[in-house]
Amino acid sequence: MNNKHLYNFGQFLIWGDFYLVYFFVHSLFVEPMNTQEYTSQYFGLAYSLFNLVSSWGSLFEWYIQWVLTWPAMLLFFLRFTFTTSIGIWLVRRFG
């Protein structure tokens, strides 16, 4: 993979997750709810995928049940921070 592709991927990671900012703000003002309640109420497909992954085995079930108890705003914030940090690093490194 040449440098231009990594630079473009970094730009995608920075700007492609703007919807997470919207979800974060929305989850702040709706009410404090955990990820399970948020995904089941607003994202039926995501909740179905969580159930599918948890049916793969006891380790996956434990992990999904553990993640679903987190506050939704924390999960959105952590994911946005992680992917944006990788994107900024890629853009600085290969830009």
Protein backbone atom coordinates (compact mmCIF):
# COMPACT_ATOMS: atom_id res chain seq x y z
CA MET A 1 0.00 0.00 0.00
CA ASN A 2 1.59 3.28 -0.99
CA ASN A 3 1.60 6.45 1.08
CA LYS A 4 -1.28 8.13 -0.78
CA HIS A 5 -3.62 5.27 0.12
CA LEU A 6 -2.67 5.44 3.80
CA TYR A 7 -3.10 9.22 3.75
CA ASN A 8 -6.57 8.85 2.19
CA PHE A 9 -7.50 6.16 4.71
CA GLY A 10 -6.43 8.52 7.50
CA GLN A 11 -8.66 11.24 6.06
CA PHE A 12 -11.53 8.75 5.96
CA LEU A 13 -11.01 7.83 9.62
CA ILE A 14 -11.01 11.50 10.61
CA TRP A 15 -14.04 12.67 8.63
CA GLY A 16 -15.97 9.43 8.20
CA ASP A 17 -17.00 9.16 11.85
CA PHE A 18 -18.87 12.42 12.13
CA TYR A 19 -22.08 10.47 12.72
CA LEU A 20 -20.57 9.30 16.03
CA VAL A 21 -20.49 12.92 17.20
CA TYR A 22 -24.20 13.15 16.39
CA PHE A 23 -24.95 9.89 18.24
CA PHE A 24 -22.89 11.05 21.22
CA VAL A 25 -24.78 14.35 21.49
CA HIS A 26 -28.10 12.59 20.96
CA SER A 27 -27.39 10.03 23.68
CA LEU A 28 -26.52 12.87 26.08
CA PHE A 29 -29.87 14.59 25.66
CA VAL A 30 -32.20 11.59 25.35
CA GLU A 31 -31.45 10.26 28.82
CA PRO A 32 -28.65 8.25 30.34
CA MET A 33 -29.08 4.80 28.88
CA ASN A 34 -26.81 1.87 28.35
CA THR A 35 -25.75 0.66 24.94
CA GLN A 36 -28.24 -2.22 24.90
CA GLU A 37 -31.22 0.08 25.37
CA TYR A 38 -29.87 2.60 22.87
CA THR A 39 -29.16 0.10 20.11
CA SER A 40 -32.40 -1.80 20.59
CA GLN A 41 -34.44 1.41 20.47
CA TYR A 42 -32.65 3.32 17.70
CA PHE A 43 -30.68 0.71 15.74
CA GLY A 44 -32.61 -2.53 15.38
CA LEU A 45 -30.06 -3.97 12.96
CA ALA A 46 -27.12 -3.31 15.29
CA TYR A 47 -28.95 -4.99 18.15
CA SER A 48 -29.62 -8.01 15.93
CA LEU A 49 -25.92 -8.16 15.05
CA PHE A 50 -25.00 -8.03 18.74
CA ASN A 51 -27.32 -10.99 19.34
CA LEU A 52 -25.79 -12.86 16.39
CA VAL A 53 -22.22 -12.36 17.63
CA SER A 54 -23.18 -13.39 21.16
CA SER A 55 -24.54 -16.69 19.80
CA TRP A 56 -21.07 -17.67 18.49
CA GLY A 57 -19.90 -18.87 21.90
CA SER A 58 -19.69 -18.13 25.58
CA LEU A 59 -16.69 -15.79 25.25
CA PHE A 60 -18.46 -13.69 22.63
CA GLU A 61 -21.65 -13.72 24.70
CA TRP A 62 -19.78 -12.53 27.78
CA TYR A 63 -18.04 -9.77 25.79
CA ILE A 64 -21.24 -8.50 24.15
CA GLN A 65 -23.16 -8.56 27.44
CA TRP A 66 -20.30 -6.66 29.08
CA VAL A 67 -20.12 -4.01 26.33
CA LEU A 68 -23.89 -3.56 26.24
CA THR A 69 -23.90 -2.44 29.87
CA TRP A 70 -21.68 0.59 29.11
CA PRO A 71 -23.31 3.99 28.73
CA ALA A 72 -23.99 4.65 25.06
CA MET A 73 -22.31 8.06 25.13
CA LEU A 74 -19.09 6.51 26.49
CA LEU A 75 -19.01 3.92 23.74
CA PHE A 76 -19.56 6.52 21.00
CA PHE A 77 -16.93 8.83 22.50
CA LEU A 78 -14.30 6.08 22.84
CA ARG A 79 -14.82 4.80 19.32
CA PHE A 80 -14.66 8.29 17.83
CA THR A 81 -11.52 9.13 19.79
CA PHE A 82 -9.80 5.88 18.81
CA THR A 83 -10.48 6.05 15.06
CA THR A 84 -9.84 9.78 14.83
CA SER A 85 -6.49 9.38 16.62
CA ILE A 86 -5.44 6.69 14.15
CA GLY A 87 -6.57 8.92 11.28
CA ILE A 88 -4.61 11.91 12.55
CA TRP A 89 -1.53 9.76 13.00
CA LEU A 90 -1.83 8.39 9.43
CA VAL A 91 -2.32 11.85 7.94
CA ARG A 92 0.68 13.27 9.81
CA ARG A 93 2.87 10.29 9.03
CA PHE A 94 2.07 9.91 5.33
CA GLY A 95 0.79 13.38 4.42
